[in-house]
Amino acid sequence: MGCCLLIGALMAPRIAMILILLLTDWFTVAYETMIWPVLGFLFMPYTTLAYMAVQLHGATLSGWWLALFILAIVFDVGGHGSGAARRKRRAR
């Protein structure tokens, strides 16, 4: 189950977030309020999932967890940047 969830989260993080919200209590364990998961769903889904994984394992944001978090930020920002580049090409 965990491996399938990981593969699904990499392919479609927003769908994985919806399934996590509906089927588990991980968001309430990882976040104090629901504003951060909602903003993460809209703007940075990979980062939201990575931070949730850190919090669920009771770890601190250091070592491999920090590397995972930074990689998630790179994926999220890269997705926004590639969308802007694609729009520029279409405008020409």
Protein backbone atom coordinates (compact mmCIF):
# COMPACT_ATOMS: atom_id res chain seq x y z
CA MET A 1 0.00 0.00 0.00
CA GLY A 2 2.75 2.45 0.94
CA CYS A 3 4.68 1.84 -2.27
CA CYS A 4 1.58 2.35 -4.41
CA LEU A 5 0.82 5.58 -2.56
CA LEU A 6 4.38 6.79 -3.16
CA ILE A 7 4.21 6.05 -6.88
CA GLY A 8 0.81 7.72 -7.12
CA ALA A 9 2.07 10.77 -5.24
CA LEU A 10 4.96 11.17 -7.64
CA MET A 11 2.68 10.94 -10.68
CA ALA A 12 -0.26 12.97 -9.39
CA PRO A 13 0.45 14.67 -6.07
CA ARG A 14 -2.88 16.48 -5.86
CA ILE A 15 -4.85 13.27 -6.29
CA ALA A 16 -2.66 11.62 -3.65
CA MET A 17 -3.36 14.54 -1.30
CA ILE A 18 -7.10 14.14 -1.78
CA LEU A 19 -6.88 10.41 -1.09
CA ILE A 20 -4.75 11.03 2.00
CA LEU A 21 -7.25 13.59 3.24
CA LEU A 22 -10.20 11.25 2.72
CA LEU A 23 -8.66 8.00 3.94
CA THR A 24 -6.24 8.96 6.73
CA ASP A 25 -5.68 11.51 9.46
CA TRP A 26 -2.14 12.36 8.35
CA PHE A 27 -2.90 16.02 7.61
CA THR A 28 -4.26 16.60 11.11
CA VAL A 29 -1.20 14.90 12.61
CA ALA A 30 1.31 16.83 10.47
CA TYR A 31 -0.29 20.29 10.42
CA GLU A 32 -1.94 22.31 13.18
CA THR A 33 -4.38 24.06 10.82
CA MET A 34 -5.76 23.12 7.42
CA ILE A 35 -4.64 26.38 5.79
CA TRP A 36 -1.16 25.04 4.99
CA PRO A 37 -2.36 21.85 3.27
CA VAL A 38 -4.88 23.88 1.25
CA LEU A 39 -2.22 26.36 0.14
CA GLY A 40 0.13 23.46 -0.54
CA PHE A 41 -2.53 21.76 -2.65
CA LEU A 42 -2.86 24.90 -4.76
CA PHE A 43 0.76 25.99 -5.11
CA MET A 44 3.32 23.40 -3.91
CA PRO A 45 1.93 19.85 -3.65
CA TYR A 46 5.26 18.00 -3.61
CA THR A 47 6.60 20.22 -0.82
CA THR A 48 3.43 19.73 1.20
CA LEU A 49 3.69 15.95 0.89
CA ALA A 50 7.41 15.99 1.75
CA TYR A 51 6.85 18.09 4.87
CA MET A 52 3.99 15.83 5.89
CA ALA A 53 6.29 12.79 5.54
CA VAL A 54 8.89 14.46 7.78
CA GLN A 55 6.29 15.23 10.44
CA LEU A 56 4.72 11.76 10.32
CA HIS A 57 8.06 10.08 10.93
CA GLY A 58 8.77 12.32 13.90
CA ALA A 59 11.98 13.52 12.33
CA THR A 60 13.50 16.96 12.12
CA LEU A 61 14.12 18.79 8.90
CA SER A 62 17.78 17.77 8.61
CA GLY A 63 19.89 15.23 6.77
CA TRP A 64 18.04 13.11 4.23
CA TRP A 65 14.73 14.70 5.18
CA LEU A 66 16.14 18.13 4.30
CA ALA A 67 17.36 16.76 0.96
CA LEU A 68 13.89 15.35 0.26
CA PHE A 69 12.29 18.68 1.19
CA ILE A 70 14.65 20.67 -1.07
CA LEU A 71 14.06 18.23 -3.94
CA ALA A 72 10.31 18.67 -3.52
CA ILE A 73 10.73 22.46 -3.67
CA VAL A 74 12.78 22.10 -6.87
CA PHE A 75 10.06 19.94 -8.45
CA ASP A 76 7.34 22.42 -7.51
CA VAL A 77 9.23 25.49 -8.70
CA GLY A 78 10.32 23.64 -11.84
CA GLY A 79 6.70 22.86 -12.63
CA HIS A 80 5.75 26.51 -12.35
CA GLY A 81 8.75 27.59 -14.42
CA SER A 82 8.10 25.12 -17.22
CA GLY A 83 4.49 26.29 -17.41
CA ALA A 84 5.64 29.90 -17.85
CA ALA A 85 8.13 28.90 -20.55
CA ARG A 86 5.44 26.95 -22.38
CA ARG A 87 3.11 29.97 -22.32
CA LYS A 88 5.88 32.17 -23.74
CA ARG A 89 6.44 29.78 -26.64
CA ARG A 90 2.72 29.72 -27.44
CA ALA A 91 2.55 33.51 -27.41
CA ARG A 92 5.12 33.76 -30.19
